[in-house]
């Protein structure tokens, strides 16, 4: 998958001609759901949208994702214009656009389908590019969910399987995009900085209320989107149950944001030829939306300083804003669908006094509230969470909130009982937030403090203070099975669930 606006031709004038062609290029949105339709509505509300083309999925209506009440609140003239953008003339006939029409007539095509269809849509688009001899059309996606290969039983990030696939993302509320006074910021990410810059420039011209910046971190941005969808469920849950706790809620929401970004920073280290990714860019990242070229974190391992995280992507303002916005309850209009799913989970646990028996029960509760199963990307991503943790070797203390949510839905009956107690009780959840973010070594010190009667636990701290023989004695002390009390009566629920998670993952 080349996914480039340019051929390999070195002819100076041909390149110049192509650049000028892109200045008036069209953009196509394929598979129109709530998100792309709301973006398109914003465009026709602010401009004539002459550079935008739309194509619904086969046998779908252009505004079929909206409720009747939403449709009634739209301007009929804008609705008519949206409909016009989804059709074209063939002789004397008016024909609805297809994906093939977009690839023929546009230079940038955004595949807007969710994870249920996106793999098939990409394969179809690649086939059409070859058939129509349109390999200079750049393809982008919106899908923010972990995909799953049923044949290999493997979960993955779409942009990792298609390294040159562009990713378009930003925080939005569908009803806000239909507000003529509201604005929307987004990042258009492509691993080549020139293509990212040109693509973001095209999208930025669609509407004065839609500001799009370039980025190269498509893999990280898509992972953040998928992880954020899971975190948004927990945010909705916590906001419903612990809304009256002024100390806990900010802690939970901060952790959800930080862990989402820390996970992506670990995933970024898995990039093939990571150094080349930065060193061979045709345009410096500082010429895009990045303040500096690279942000890395390191830890001492075996006496050597090792790079363990790449946080360069954290300069993508719109992507980070997407995480923050999705964790917030909306004061005007609806919250995100994943956030609402978290509220529904909270209501279920309050009413029933236990966690859902399985994921299907939670889906049923969501559908009763008008949320379609196919739109709940966070729950779909959560199903594959253990595979994602394993594949990218994510430290458990960097994803403890998602781990707890996973156990509450997919754990055994006994595990769910412990998860329920931790999630419902503010004190236990606060304790979990504090303890679960500590690496295993720090948890050993915590356990020792709770059992200082044990002489070996005393020795642990004496040894730290004295520093003498620390390196050759600490491992022996820390691996002693008597460090942390093992009787169930002396272990708190937060520590129990941490142990359950460590055994599970």
Foldseek 3Di string as FASTA:
>chain_A
DQQALDDPDPDPVVVVVSVVVLVLFAEEEEAAALVVLLLLLLLVVFHVLPRYAYAHDPPADNHNNDDPVVVVPADPVSVVSSVVRQWDDDPPDIGGDDLLNCLVRGQEYEHEDELVCVVVVVVVNVVSCVVVVRSSRGYEYAYQFWHADPVVRATDQPCVVVVFHKYKDFADDSVQSNPNPAATEIEIEGLAQVRQQSVQVSVCPSHVRYHYFGYHPRRLLSQLSHLLLQLLLLLLQCCQQVVVPVPQNVLSLVLSLQLSLQLSQLVLVVDDPSVCSQVVHPDQPVVTQFVDSWDWDWDQDPNDTDTRTTNRVVSRVRSSNNSNQSSDADPPDHHDLSSVLSNLQNVCCVVVVFFDPAPVVSQVSSVVVVDHPSRSSNSVNLVCVVSSCVVSVPQQLSPVSSLLVSCCHPNDRVLRVLSSVQSNDSVSVVVLSVQSNDHPVVVLLVQLVLPVVPVLSVVQVVCVVVVPPCVVCNVVSSPPPPSHDDDPVSDDSSRVNSVVSVVVD
